[in-house]
Amino acid sequence: MGLMLQAPAWQGHVVSFLGAVMGGQPDGAAPPNPVPQAPPGLTGPVTTIIAWGKWGVLVCGVAGLLMCAGKMAIGHRNRATFAADGATGVPWVLGGLSLAAVASAIVGVFLR
């Protein structure tokens, strides 16, 4: 009924060979993968630095939206391209703010 695609028989050998050449274990043994752990005494200062970074991003986001609004207000009459530049900047600012809002969740996915 349906077409079943199967990997060629030699594919496993190629992957095993490449793993051995690149320093991996040919028998499929996985390298150690410990849970991330903060060095002693750094949790507080690193959290403070991240909080400052988030605050900075929020300030830049508000400033960016205000600049976009200003361009749109100034360019509404006889300066259509200036207004259009302001309008096209809004999604970029919102995208940056959205990325900042979910940054820790995205990094958390990769550290699992």
PDB file of N, CA and C in Angstrom:
ATOM      1  N   MET A   1       0.826  -1.173   0.000  1.00  0.00           N
ATOM      2  CA  MET A   1       0.000   0.000   0.000  1.00  0.00           C
ATOM      3  C   MET A   1       0.884   1.254   0.000  1.00  0.00           C
ATOM      4  N   GLY A   2       1.667   1.437   1.063  1.00  0.00           N
ATOM      5  CA  GLY A   2       2.523   2.619   1.156  1.00  0.00           C
ATOM      6  C   GLY A   2       3.959   2.242   0.861  1.00  0.00           C
ATOM      7  N   LEU A   3       4.729   3.199   0.472  1.00  0.00           N
ATOM      8  CA  LEU A   3       6.139   2.982   0.178  1.00  0.00           C
ATOM      9  C   LEU A   3       6.919   3.117   1.476  1.00  0.00           C
ATOM     10  N   MET A   4       7.599   2.080   1.869  1.00  0.00           N
ATOM     11  CA  MET A   4       8.400   2.088   3.097  1.00  0.00           C
ATOM     12  C   MET A   4       9.844   2.403   2.727  1.00  0.00           C
ATOM     13  N   LEU A   5      10.383   3.437   3.300  1.00  0.00           N
ATOM     14  CA  LEU A   5      11.771   3.793   3.063  1.00  0.00           C
ATOM     15  C   LEU A   5      12.623   3.217   4.190  1.00  0.00           C
ATOM     16  N   GLN A   6      13.657   2.504   3.815  1.00  0.00           N
ATOM     17  CA  GLN A   6      14.552   1.928   4.800  1.00  0.00           C
ATOM     18  C   GLN A   6      15.959   2.429   4.535  1.00  0.00           C
ATOM     19  N   ALA A   7      16.690   2.602   5.607  1.00  0.00           N
ATOM     20  CA  ALA A   7      18.076   3.024   5.472  1.00  0.00           C
ATOM     21  C   ALA A   7      18.883   1.868   4.905  1.00  0.00           C
ATOM     22  N   PRO A   8      19.862   2.173   4.069  1.00  0.00           N
ATOM     23  CA  PRO A   8      20.707   1.109   3.542  1.00  0.00           C
ATOM     24  C   PRO A   8      21.457   0.401   4.670  1.00  0.00           C
ATOM     25  N   ALA A   9      21.796  -0.836   4.423  1.00  0.00           N
ATOM     26  CA  ALA A   9      22.460  -1.648   5.448  1.00  0.00           C
ATOM     27  C   ALA A   9      23.822  -1.080   5.827  1.00  0.00           C
ATOM     28  N   TRP A  10      24.504  -0.417   4.924  1.00  0.00           N
ATOM     29  CA  TRP A  10      25.838   0.101   5.204  1.00  0.00           C
ATOM     30  C   TRP A  10      25.829   1.395   6.010  1.00  0.00           C
ATOM     31  N   GLN A  11      24.646   2.014   6.202  1.00  0.00           N
ATOM     32  CA  GLN A  11      24.585   3.297   6.902  1.00  0.00           C
ATOM     33  C   GLN A  11      25.073   3.174   8.350  1.00  0.00           C
ATOM     34  N   GLY A  12      24.712   2.122   9.023  1.00  0.00           N
ATOM     35  CA  GLY A  12      25.163   1.919  10.402  1.00  0.00           C
ATOM     36  C   GLY A  12      26.671   1.795  10.494  1.00  0.00           C
ATOM     37  N   HIS A  13      27.294   1.161   9.502  1.00  0.00           N
ATOM     38  CA  HIS A  13      28.747   1.021   9.495  1.00  0.00           C
ATOM     39  C   HIS A  13      29.427   2.363   9.272  1.00  0.00           C
ATOM     40  N   VAL A  14      28.864   3.179   8.401  1.00  0.00           N
ATOM     41  CA  VAL A  14      29.444   4.500   8.137  1.00  0.00           C
ATOM     42  C   VAL A  14      29.368   5.364   9.386  1.00  0.00           C
ATOM     43  N   VAL A  15      28.221   5.350  10.069  1.00  0.00           N
ATOM     44  CA  VAL A  15      28.068   6.136  11.283  1.00  0.00           C
ATOM     45  C   VAL A  15      29.040   5.653  12.345  1.00  0.00           C
ATOM     46  N   SER A  16      29.201   4.350  12.473  1.00  0.00           N
ATOM     47  CA  SER A  16      30.140   3.796  13.440  1.00  0.00           C
ATOM     48  C   SER A  16      31.570   4.186  13.102  1.00  0.00           C
ATOM     49  N   PHE A  17      31.935   4.137  11.815  1.00  0.00           N
ATOM     50  CA  PHE A  17      33.281   4.507  11.387  1.00  0.00           C
ATOM     51  C   PHE A  17      33.552   5.988  11.659  1.00  0.00           C
ATOM     52  N   LEU A  18      32.589   6.844  11.293  1.00  0.00           N
ATOM     53  CA  LEU A  18      32.772   8.273  11.526  1.00  0.00           C
ATOM     54  C   LEU A  18      32.873   8.588  13.005  1.00  0.00           C
ATOM     55  N   GLY A  19      32.097   7.907  13.816  1.00  0.00           N
ATOM     56  CA  GLY A  19      32.188   8.110  15.259  1.00  0.00           C
ATOM     57  C   GLY A  19      33.550   7.720  15.793  1.00  0.00           C
ATOM     58  N   ALA A  20      34.112   6.627  15.279  1.00  0.00           N
ATOM     59  CA  ALA A  20      35.434   6.191  15.730  1.00  0.00           C
ATOM     60  C   ALA A  20      36.516   7.156  15.270  1.00  0.00           C
ATOM     61  N   VAL A  21      36.404   7.656  14.037  1.00  0.00           N
ATOM     62  CA  VAL A  21      37.401   8.586  13.510  1.00  0.00           C
ATOM     63  C   VAL A  21      37.371   9.905  14.277  1.00  0.00           C
ATOM     64  N   MET A  22      36.170  10.362  14.644  1.00  0.00           N
ATOM     65  CA  MET A  22      36.030  11.648  15.323  1.00  0.00           C
ATOM     66  C   MET A  22      36.204  11.519  16.830  1.00  0.00           C
ATOM     67  N   GLY A  23      36.644  10.408  17.320  1.00  0.00           N
ATOM     68  CA  GLY A  23      36.927  10.244  18.734  1.00  0.00           C
ATOM     69  C   GLY A  23      35.803   9.616  19.522  1.00  0.00           C
ATOM     70  N   GLY A  24      34.744   9.201  18.885  1.00  0.00           N
ATOM     71  CA  GLY A  24      33.633   8.570  19.580  1.00  0.00           C
ATOM     72  C   GLY A  24      33.904   7.094  19.826  1.00  0.00           C
ATOM     73  N   GLN A  25      33.009   6.464  20.507  1.00  0.00           N
ATOM     74  CA  GLN A  25      33.130   5.045  20.798  1.00  0.00           C
ATOM     75  C   GLN A  25      32.415   4.254  19.703  1.00  0.00           C
ATOM     76  N   PRO A  26      33.096   3.333  19.006  1.00  0.00           N
ATOM     77  CA  PRO A  26      32.453   2.589  17.934  1.00  0.00           C
ATOM     78  C   PRO A  26      31.364   1.640  18.419  1.00  0.00           C
ATOM     79  N   ASP A  27      31.390   1.257  19.678  1.00  0.00           N
ATOM     80  CA  ASP A  27      30.389   0.309  20.160  1.00  0.00           C
ATOM     81  C   ASP A  27      29.107   1.000  20.630  1.00  0.00           C
ATOM     82  N   GLY A  28      28.984   2.324  20.455  1.00  0.00           N
ATOM     83  CA  GLY A  28      27.766   3.032  20.816  1.00  0.00           C
ATOM     84  C   GLY A  28      27.751   3.532  22.246  1.00  0.00           C
ATOM     85  N   ALA A  29      28.862   3.436  22.971  1.00  0.00           N
ATOM     86  CA  ALA A  29      28.899   3.931  24.342  1.00  0.00           C
ATOM     87  C   ALA A  29      28.781   5.456  24.328  1.00  0.00           C
ATOM     88  N   ALA A  30      27.922   5.981  25.166  1.00  0.00           N
ATOM     89  CA  ALA A  30      27.688   7.419  25.200  1.00  0.00           C
ATOM     90  C   ALA A  30      28.664   8.098  26.167  1.00  0.00           C
ATOM     91  N   PRO A  31      29.088   9.307  25.843  1.00  0.00           N
ATOM     92  CA  PRO A  31      29.945  10.040  26.776  1.00  0.00           C
ATOM     93  C   PRO A  31      29.145  10.465  28.000  1.00  0.00           C
ATOM     94  N   PRO A  32      29.794  10.770  29.098  1.00  0.00           N
ATOM     95  CA  PRO A  32      29.051  11.185  30.294  1.00  0.00           C
ATOM     96  C   PRO A  32      28.297  12.488  30.043  1.00  0.00           C
ATOM     97  N   ASN A  33      27.127  12.596  30.624  1.00  0.00           N
ATOM     98  CA  ASN A  33      26.281  13.777  30.448  1.00  0.00           C
ATOM     99  C   ASN A  33      25.749  14.210  31.812  1.00  0.00           C
ATOM    100  N   PRO A  34      26.584  14.895  32.619  1.00  0.00           N
ATOM    101  CA  PRO A  34      26.133  15.268  33.962  1.00  0.00           C
ATOM    102  C   PRO A  34      25.112  16.405  33.927  1.00  0.00           C
ATOM    103  N   VAL A  35      24.369  16.531  34.988  1.00  0.00           N
ATOM    104  CA  VAL A  35      23.392  17.595  35.139  1.00  0.00           C
ATOM    105  C   VAL A  35      24.137  18.910  35.367  1.00  0.00           C
ATOM    106  N   PRO A  36      23.696  20.020  34.752  1.00  0.00           N
ATOM    107  CA  PRO A  36      24.370  21.298  34.977  1.00  0.00           C
ATOM    108  C   PRO A  36      24.324  21.699  36.445  1.00  0.00           C
ATOM    109  N   GLN A  37      25.431  22.213  36.937  1.00  0.00           N
ATOM    110  CA  GLN A  37      25.519  22.618  38.331  1.00  0.00           C
ATOM    111  C   GLN A  37      26.352  23.890  38.413  1.00  0.00           C
ATOM    112  N   ALA A  38      25.829  24.875  39.107  1.00  0.00           N
ATOM    113  CA  ALA A  38      26.537  26.149  39.238  1.00  0.00           C
ATOM    114  C   ALA A  38      27.741  25.979  40.169  1.00  0.00           C
ATOM    115  N   PRO A  39      28.848  26.651  39.851  1.00  0.00           N
ATOM    116  CA  PRO A  39      29.996  26.617  40.769  1.00  0.00           C
ATOM    117  C   PRO A  39      29.611  27.247  42.106  1.00  0.00           C
ATOM    118  N   PRO A  40      30.233  26.811  43.181  1.00  0.00           N
ATOM    119  CA  PRO A  40      29.883  27.349  44.497  1.00  0.00           C
ATOM    120  C   PRO A  40      30.084  28.872  44.571  1.00  0.00           C
ATOM    121  N   GLY A  41      29.091  29.553  45.077  1.00  0.00           N
ATOM    122  CA  GLY A  41      29.174  30.990  45.274  1.00  0.00           C
ATOM    123  C   GLY A  41      28.821  31.839  44.068  1.00  0.00           C
ATOM    124  N   LEU A  42      28.524  31.246  42.930  1.00  0.00           N
ATOM    125  CA  LEU A  42      28.236  32.030  41.738  1.00  0.00           C
ATOM    126  C   LEU A  42      26.751  32.152  41.424  1.00  0.00           C
ATOM    127  N   THR A  43      25.909  31.421  42.107  1.00  0.00           N
ATOM    128  CA  THR A  43      24.486  31.440  41.787  1.00  0.00           C
ATOM    129  C   THR A  43      23.891  32.841  41.974  1.00  0.00           C
ATOM    130  N   GLY A  44      24.186  33.477  43.092  1.00  0.00           N
ATOM    131  CA  GLY A  44      23.649  34.812  43.366  1.00  0.00           C
ATOM    132  C   GLY A  44      24.119  35.860  42.368  1.00  0.00           C
ATOM    133  N   PRO A  45      25.446  35.999  42.156  1.00  0.00           N
ATOM    134  CA  PRO A  45      25.910  37.017  41.212  1.00  0.00           C
ATOM    135  C   PRO A  45      25.445  36.778  39.772  1.00  0.00           C
ATOM    136  N   VAL A  46      25.410  35.531  39.331  1.00  0.00           N
ATOM    137  CA  VAL A  46      24.970  35.242  37.966  1.00  0.00           C
ATOM    138  C   VAL A  46      23.483  35.570  37.816  1.00  0.00           C
ATOM    139  N   THR A  47      22.688  35.252  38.811  1.00  0.00           N
ATOM    140  CA  THR A  47      21.272  35.587  38.771  1.00  0.00           C
ATOM    141  C   THR A  47      21.073  37.098  38.702  1.00  0.00           C
ATOM    142  N   THR A  48      21.894  37.844  39.438  1.00  0.00           N
ATOM    143  CA  THR A  48      21.818  39.309  39.392  1.00  0.00           C
ATOM    144  C   THR A  48      22.164  39.835  38.006  1.00  0.00           C
ATOM    145  N   ILE A  49      23.207  39.307  37.397  1.00  0.00           N
ATOM    146  CA  ILE A  49      23.616  39.747  36.065  1.00  0.00           C
ATOM    147  C   ILE A  49      22.527  39.431  35.040  1.00  0.00           C
ATOM    148  N   ILE A  50      21.917  38.249  35.128  1.00  0.00           N
ATOM    149  CA  ILE A  50      20.833  37.890  34.205  1.00  0.00           C
ATOM    150  C   ILE A  50      19.639  38.820  34.415  1.00  0.00           C
ATOM    151  N   ALA A  51      19.327  39.139  35.669  1.00  0.00           N
ATOM    152  CA  ALA A  51      18.219  40.057  35.950  1.00  0.00           C
ATOM    153  C   ALA A  51      18.503  41.440  35.366  1.00  0.00           C
ATOM    154  N   TRP A  52      19.737  41.921  35.477  1.00  0.00           N
ATOM    155  CA  TRP A  52      20.095  43.203  34.878  1.00  0.00           C
ATOM    156  C   TRP A  52      19.956  43.153  33.357  1.00  0.00           C
ATOM    157  N   GLY A  53      20.361  42.037  32.766  1.00  0.00           N
ATOM    158  CA  GLY A  53      20.224  41.887  31.312  1.00  0.00           C
ATOM    159  C   GLY A  53      18.771  41.915  30.875  1.00  0.00           C
ATOM    160  N   LYS A  54      17.901  41.232  31.617  1.00  0.00           N
ATOM    161  CA  LYS A  54      16.474  41.247  31.282  1.00  0.00           C
ATOM    162  C   LYS A  54      15.902  42.650  31.419  1.00  0.00           C
ATOM    163  N   TRP A  55      16.320  43.374  32.456  1.00  0.00           N
ATOM    164  CA  TRP A  55      15.861  44.742  32.632  1.00  0.00           C
ATOM    165  C   TRP A  55      16.326  45.613  31.469  1.00  0.00           C
ATOM    166  N   GLY A  56      17.570  45.432  31.046  1.00  0.00           N
ATOM    167  CA  GLY A  56      18.104  46.188  29.915  1.00  0.00           C
ATOM    168  C   GLY A  56      17.340  45.908  28.631  1.00  0.00           C
ATOM    169  N   VAL A  57      16.982  44.657  28.416  1.00  0.00           N
ATOM    170  CA  VAL A  57      16.209  44.302  27.223  1.00  0.00           C
ATOM    171  C   VAL A  57      14.832  44.962  27.270  1.00  0.00           C
ATOM    172  N   LEU A  58      14.205  44.986  28.443  1.00  0.00           N
ATOM    173  CA  LEU A  58      12.895  45.631  28.564  1.00  0.00           C
ATOM    174  C   LEU A  58      12.994  47.129  28.298  1.00  0.00           C
ATOM    175  N   VAL A  59      14.043  47.772  28.807  1.00  0.00           N
ATOM    176  CA  VAL A  59      14.223  49.208  28.553  1.00  0.00           C
ATOM    177  C   VAL A  59      14.425  49.446  27.056  1.00  0.00           C
ATOM    178  N   CYS A  60      15.254  48.619  26.427  1.00  0.00           N
ATOM    179  CA  CYS A  60      15.474  48.753  24.978  1.00  0.00           C
ATOM    180  C   CYS A  60      14.190  48.497  24.196  1.00  0.00           C
ATOM    181  N   GLY A  61      13.376  47.559  24.653  1.00  0.00           N
ATOM    182  CA  GLY A  61      12.107  47.278  23.978  1.00  0.00           C
ATOM    183  C   GLY A  61      11.147  48.450  24.055  1.00  0.00           C
ATOM    184  N   VAL A  62      11.039  49.066  25.232  1.00  0.00           N
ATOM    185  CA  VAL A  62      10.173  50.240  25.365  1.00  0.00           C
ATOM    186  C   VAL A  62      10.693  51.373  24.489  1.00  0.00           C
ATOM    187  N   ALA A  63      12.011  51.595  24.518  1.00  0.00           N
ATOM    188  CA  ALA A  63      12.596  52.649  23.687  1.00  0.00           C
ATOM    189  C   ALA A  63      12.373  52.358  22.198  1.00  0.00           C
ATOM    190  N   GLY A  64      12.516  51.102  21.800  1.00  0.00           N
ATOM    191  CA  GLY A  64      12.294  50.734  20.402  1.00  0.00           C
ATOM    192  C   GLY A  64      10.872  50.966  19.961  1.00  0.00           C
ATOM    193  N   LEU A  65       9.914  50.592  20.809  1.00  0.00           N
ATOM    194  CA  LEU A  65       8.508  50.836  20.458  1.00  0.00           C
ATOM    195  C   LEU A  65       8.205  52.330  20.395  1.00  0.00           C
ATOM    196  N   LEU A  66       8.791  53.115  21.309  1.00  0.00           N
ATOM    197  CA  LEU A  66       8.581  54.562  21.262  1.00  0.00           C
ATOM    198  C   LEU A  66       9.189  55.169  20.006  1.00  0.00           C
ATOM    199  N   MET A  67      10.350  54.681  19.589  1.00  0.00           N
ATOM    200  CA  MET A  67      10.960  55.191  18.350  1.00  0.00           C
ATOM    201  C   MET A  67      10.109  54.823  17.137  1.00  0.00           C
ATOM    202  N   CYS A  68       9.591  53.606  17.116  1.00  0.00           N
ATOM    203  CA  CYS A  68       8.717  53.205  16.005  1.00  0.00           C
ATOM    204  C   CYS A  68       7.462  54.066  15.972  1.00  0.00           C
ATOM    205  N   ALA A  69       6.890  54.319  17.145  1.00  0.00           N
ATOM    206  CA  ALA A  69       5.690  55.155  17.204  1.00  0.00           C
ATOM    207  C   ALA A  69       6.009  56.575  16.750  1.00  0.00           C
ATOM    208  N   GLY A  70       7.152  57.087  17.149  1.00  0.00           N
ATOM    209  CA  GLY A  70       7.542  58.432  16.720  1.00  0.00           C
ATOM    210  C   GLY A  70       7.724  58.519  15.218  1.00  0.00           C
ATOM    211  N   LYS A  71       8.352  57.515  14.625  1.00  0.00           N
ATOM    212  CA  LYS A  71       8.520  57.509  13.169  1.00  0.00           C
ATOM    213  C   LYS A  71       7.165  57.481  12.472  1.00  0.00           C
ATOM    214  N   MET A  72       6.252  56.684  13.013  1.00  0.00           N
ATOM    215  CA  MET A  72       4.928  56.605  12.392  1.00  0.00           C
ATOM    216  C   MET A  72       4.171  57.923  12.544  1.00  0.00           C
ATOM    217  N   ALA A  73       4.323  58.590  13.686  1.00  0.00           N
ATOM    218  CA  ALA A  73       3.625  59.852  13.901  1.00  0.00           C
ATOM    219  C   ALA A  73       4.202  60.966  13.033  1.00  0.00           C
ATOM    220  N   ILE A  74       5.525  61.012  12.932  1.00  0.00           N
ATOM    221  CA  ILE A  74       6.157  62.058  12.119  1.00  0.00           C
ATOM    222  C   ILE A  74       5.895  61.816  10.640  1.00  0.00           C
ATOM    223  N   GLY A  75       5.929  60.569  10.212  1.00  0.00           N
ATOM    224  CA  GLY A  75       5.816  60.266   8.798  1.00  0.00           C
ATOM    225  C   GLY A  75       4.423  60.093   8.272  1.00  0.00           C
ATOM    226  N   HIS A  76       3.414  60.366   9.078  1.00  0.00           N
ATOM    227  CA  HIS A  76       2.041  60.134   8.595  1.00  0.00           C
ATOM    228  C   HIS A  76       1.641  61.082   7.480  1.00  0.00           C
ATOM    229  N   ARG A  77       2.347  62.194   7.339  1.00  0.00           N
ATOM    230  CA  ARG A  77       1.969  63.153   6.310  1.00  0.00           C
ATOM    231  C   ARG A  77       3.200  63.502   5.462  1.00  0.00           C
ATOM    232  N   ASN A  78       3.132  63.181   4.203  1.00  0.00           N
ATOM    233  CA  ASN A  78       4.166  63.496   3.209  1.00  0.00           C
ATOM    234  C   ASN A  78       5.495  62.771   3.429  1.00  0.00           C
ATOM    235  N   ARG A  79       5.537  61.850   4.335  1.00  0.00           N
ATOM    236  CA  ARG A  79       6.758  61.052   4.537  1.00  0.00           C
ATOM    237  C   ARG A  79       6.351  59.587   4.734  1.00  0.00           C
ATOM    238  N   ALA A  80       5.731  59.024   3.747  1.00  0.00           N
ATOM    239  CA  ALA A  80       5.166  57.670   3.872  1.00  0.00           C
ATOM    240  C   ALA A  80       6.242  56.629   4.129  1.00  0.00           C
ATOM    241  N   THR A  81       7.413  56.767   3.535  1.00  0.00           N
ATOM    242  CA  THR A  81       8.462  55.766   3.755  1.00  0.00           C
ATOM    243  C   THR A  81       8.976  55.813   5.186  1.00  0.00           C
ATOM    244  N   PHE A  82       9.015  56.997   5.792  1.00  0.00           N
ATOM    245  CA  PHE A  82       9.452  57.119   7.190  1.00  0.00           C
ATOM    246  C   PHE A  82       8.452  56.422   8.108  1.00  0.00           C
ATOM    247  N   ALA A  83       7.161  56.613   7.835  1.00  0.00           N
ATOM    248  CA  ALA A  83       6.116  55.948   8.613  1.00  0.00           C
ATOM    249  C   ALA A  83       6.160  54.439   8.399  1.00  0.00           C
ATOM    250  N   ALA A  84       6.427  54.024   7.175  1.00  0.00           N
ATOM    251  CA  ALA A  84       6.508  52.592   6.889  1.00  0.00           C
ATOM    252  C   ALA A  84       7.702  51.967   7.605  1.00  0.00           C
ATOM    253  N   ASP A  85       8.821  52.696   7.692  1.00  0.00           N
ATOM    254  CA  ASP A  85       9.974  52.188   8.438  1.00  0.00           C
ATOM    255  C   ASP A  85       9.624  51.988   9.910  1.00  0.00           C
ATOM    256  N   GLY A  86       8.874  52.919  10.463  1.00  0.00           N
ATOM    257  CA  GLY A  86       8.442  52.772  11.849  1.00  0.00           C
ATOM    258  C   GLY A  86       7.526  51.577  12.041  1.00  0.00           C
ATOM    259  N   ALA A  87       6.606  51.394  11.103  1.00  0.00           N
ATOM    260  CA  ALA A  87       5.666  50.268  11.203  1.00  0.00           C
ATOM    261  C   ALA A  87       6.365  48.928  11.041  1.00  0.00           C
ATOM    262  N   THR A  88       7.364  48.867  10.165  1.00  0.00           N
ATOM    263  CA  THR A  88       8.069  47.584   9.985  1.00  0.00           C
ATOM    264  C   THR A  88       9.012  47.295  11.145  1.00  0.00           C
ATOM    265  N   GLY A  89       9.327  48.286  11.947  1.00  0.00           N
ATOM    266  CA  GLY A  89      10.180  48.046  13.108  1.00  0.00           C
ATOM    267  C   GLY A  89       9.441  47.415  14.271  1.00  0.00           C
ATOM    268  N   VAL A  90       8.128  47.612  14.334  1.00  0.00           N
ATOM    269  CA  VAL A  90       7.345  47.089  15.463  1.00  0.00           C
ATOM    270  C   VAL A  90       7.445  45.569  15.596  1.00  0.00           C
ATOM    271  N   PRO A  91       7.273  44.780  14.521  1.00  0.00           N
ATOM    272  CA  PRO A  91       7.403  43.319  14.689  1.00  0.00           C
ATOM    273  C   PRO A  91       8.802  42.898  15.150  1.00  0.00           C
ATOM    274  N   TRP A  92       9.827  43.621  14.731  1.00  0.00           N
ATOM    275  CA  TRP A  92      11.185  43.281  15.167  1.00  0.00           C
ATOM    276  C   TRP A  92      11.356  43.527  16.664  1.00  0.00           C
ATOM    277  N   VAL A  93      10.832  44.630  17.150  1.00  0.00           N
ATOM    278  CA  VAL A  93      10.914  44.919  18.583  1.00  0.00           C
ATOM    279  C   VAL A  93      10.123  43.885  19.371  1.00  0.00           C
ATOM    280  N   LEU A  94       8.911  43.586  18.914  1.00  0.00           N
ATOM    281  CA  LEU A  94       8.096  42.580  19.609  1.00  0.00           C
ATOM    282  C   LEU A  94       8.741  41.201  19.563  1.00  0.00           C
ATOM    283  N   GLY A  95       9.384  40.884  18.438  1.00  0.00           N
ATOM    284  CA  GLY A  95      10.094  39.610  18.342  1.00  0.00           C
ATOM    285  C   GLY A  95      11.256  39.537  19.324  1.00  0.00           C
ATOM    286  N   GLY A  96      11.992  40.625  19.449  1.00  0.00           N
ATOM    287  CA  GLY A  96      13.097  40.649  20.410  1.00  0.00           C
ATOM    288  C   GLY A  96      12.619  40.523  21.839  1.00  0.00           C
ATOM    289  N   LEU A  97      11.543  41.214  22.169  1.00  0.00           N
ATOM    290  CA  LEU A  97      10.980  41.106  23.522  1.00  0.00           C
ATOM    291  C   LEU A  97      10.445  39.705  23.786  1.00  0.00           C
ATOM    292  N   SER A  98       9.826  39.099  22.786  1.00  0.00           N
ATOM    293  CA  SER A  98       9.315  37.736  22.945  1.00  0.00           C
ATOM    294  C   SER A  98      10.452  36.749  23.160  1.00  0.00           C
ATOM    295  N   LEU A  99      11.528  36.918  22.405  1.00  0.00           N
ATOM    296  CA  LEU A  99      12.685  36.036  22.578  1.00  0.00           C
ATOM    297  C   LEU A  99      13.289  36.194  23.967  1.00  0.00           C
ATOM    298  N   ALA A 100      13.363  37.426  24.455  1.00  0.00           N
ATOM    299  CA  ALA A 100      13.885  37.648  25.802  1.00  0.00           C
ATOM    300  C   ALA A 100      12.983  37.009  26.857  1.00  0.00           C
ATOM    301  N   ALA A 101      11.674  37.028  26.613  1.00  0.00           N
ATOM    302  CA  ALA A 101      10.732  36.468  27.580  1.00  0.00           C
ATOM    303  C   ALA A 101      10.844  34.955  27.683  1.00  0.00           C
ATOM    304  N   VAL A 102      11.175  34.285  26.583  1.00  0.00           N
ATOM    305  CA  VAL A 102      11.232  32.819  26.594  1.00  0.00           C
ATOM    306  C   VAL A 102      12.654  32.274  26.536  1.00  0.00           C
ATOM    307  N   ALA A 103      13.654  33.137  26.715  1.00  0.00           N
ATOM    308  CA  ALA A 103      15.053  32.702  26.571  1.00  0.00           C
ATOM    309  C   ALA A 103      15.405  31.593  27.555  1.00  0.00           C
ATOM    310  N   SER A 104      15.029  31.733  28.812  1.00  0.00           N
ATOM    311  CA  SER A 104      15.393  30.716  29.796  1.00  0.00           C
ATOM    312  C   SER A 104      14.693  29.389  29.516  1.00  0.00           C
ATOM    313  N   ALA A 105      13.457  29.449  28.999  1.00  0.00           N
ATOM    314  CA  ALA A 105      12.750  28.200  28.665  1.00  0.00           C
ATOM    315  C   ALA A 105      13.417  27.504  27.475  1.00  0.00           C
ATOM    316  N   ILE A 106      13.880  28.286  26.501  1.00  0.00           N
ATOM    317  CA  ILE A 106      14.547  27.687  25.335  1.00  0.00           C
ATOM    318  C   ILE A 106      15.848  27.030  25.763  1.00  0.00           C
ATOM    319  N   VAL A 107      16.630  27.709  26.575  1.00  0.00           N
ATOM    320  CA  VAL A 107      17.890  27.130  27.050  1.00  0.00           C
ATOM    321  C   VAL A 107      17.607  25.906  27.919  1.00  0.00           C
ATOM    322  N   GLY A 108      16.559  25.960  28.712  1.00  0.00           N
ATOM    323  CA  GLY A 108      16.193  24.813  29.552  1.00  0.00           C
ATOM    324  C   GLY A 108      15.869  23.568  28.761  1.00  0.00           C
ATOM    325  N   VAL A 109      15.310  23.733  27.571  1.00  0.00           N
ATOM    326  CA  VAL A 109      14.996  22.572  26.731  1.00  0.00           C
ATOM    327  C   VAL A 109      16.283  21.872  26.298  1.00  0.00           C
ATOM    328  N   PHE A 110      17.303  22.637  25.977  1.00  0.00           N
ATOM    329  CA  PHE A 110      18.549  22.045  25.500  1.00  0.00           C
ATOM    330  C   PHE A 110      19.409  21.475  26.618  1.00  0.00           C
ATOM    331  N   LEU A 111      19.165  21.844  27.851  1.00  0.00           N
ATOM    332  CA  LEU A 111      19.966  21.346  28.960  1.00  0.00           C
ATOM    333  C   LEU A 111      19.375  20.100  29.612  1.00  0.00           C
ATOM    334  N   ARG A 112      18.267  19.636  29.098  1.00  0.00           N
ATOM    335  CA  ARG A 112      17.662  18.421  29.670  1.00  0.00           C
ATOM    336  C   ARG A 112      18.342  17.194  29.175  1.00  0.00           C
TER     337      ARG A 112
END
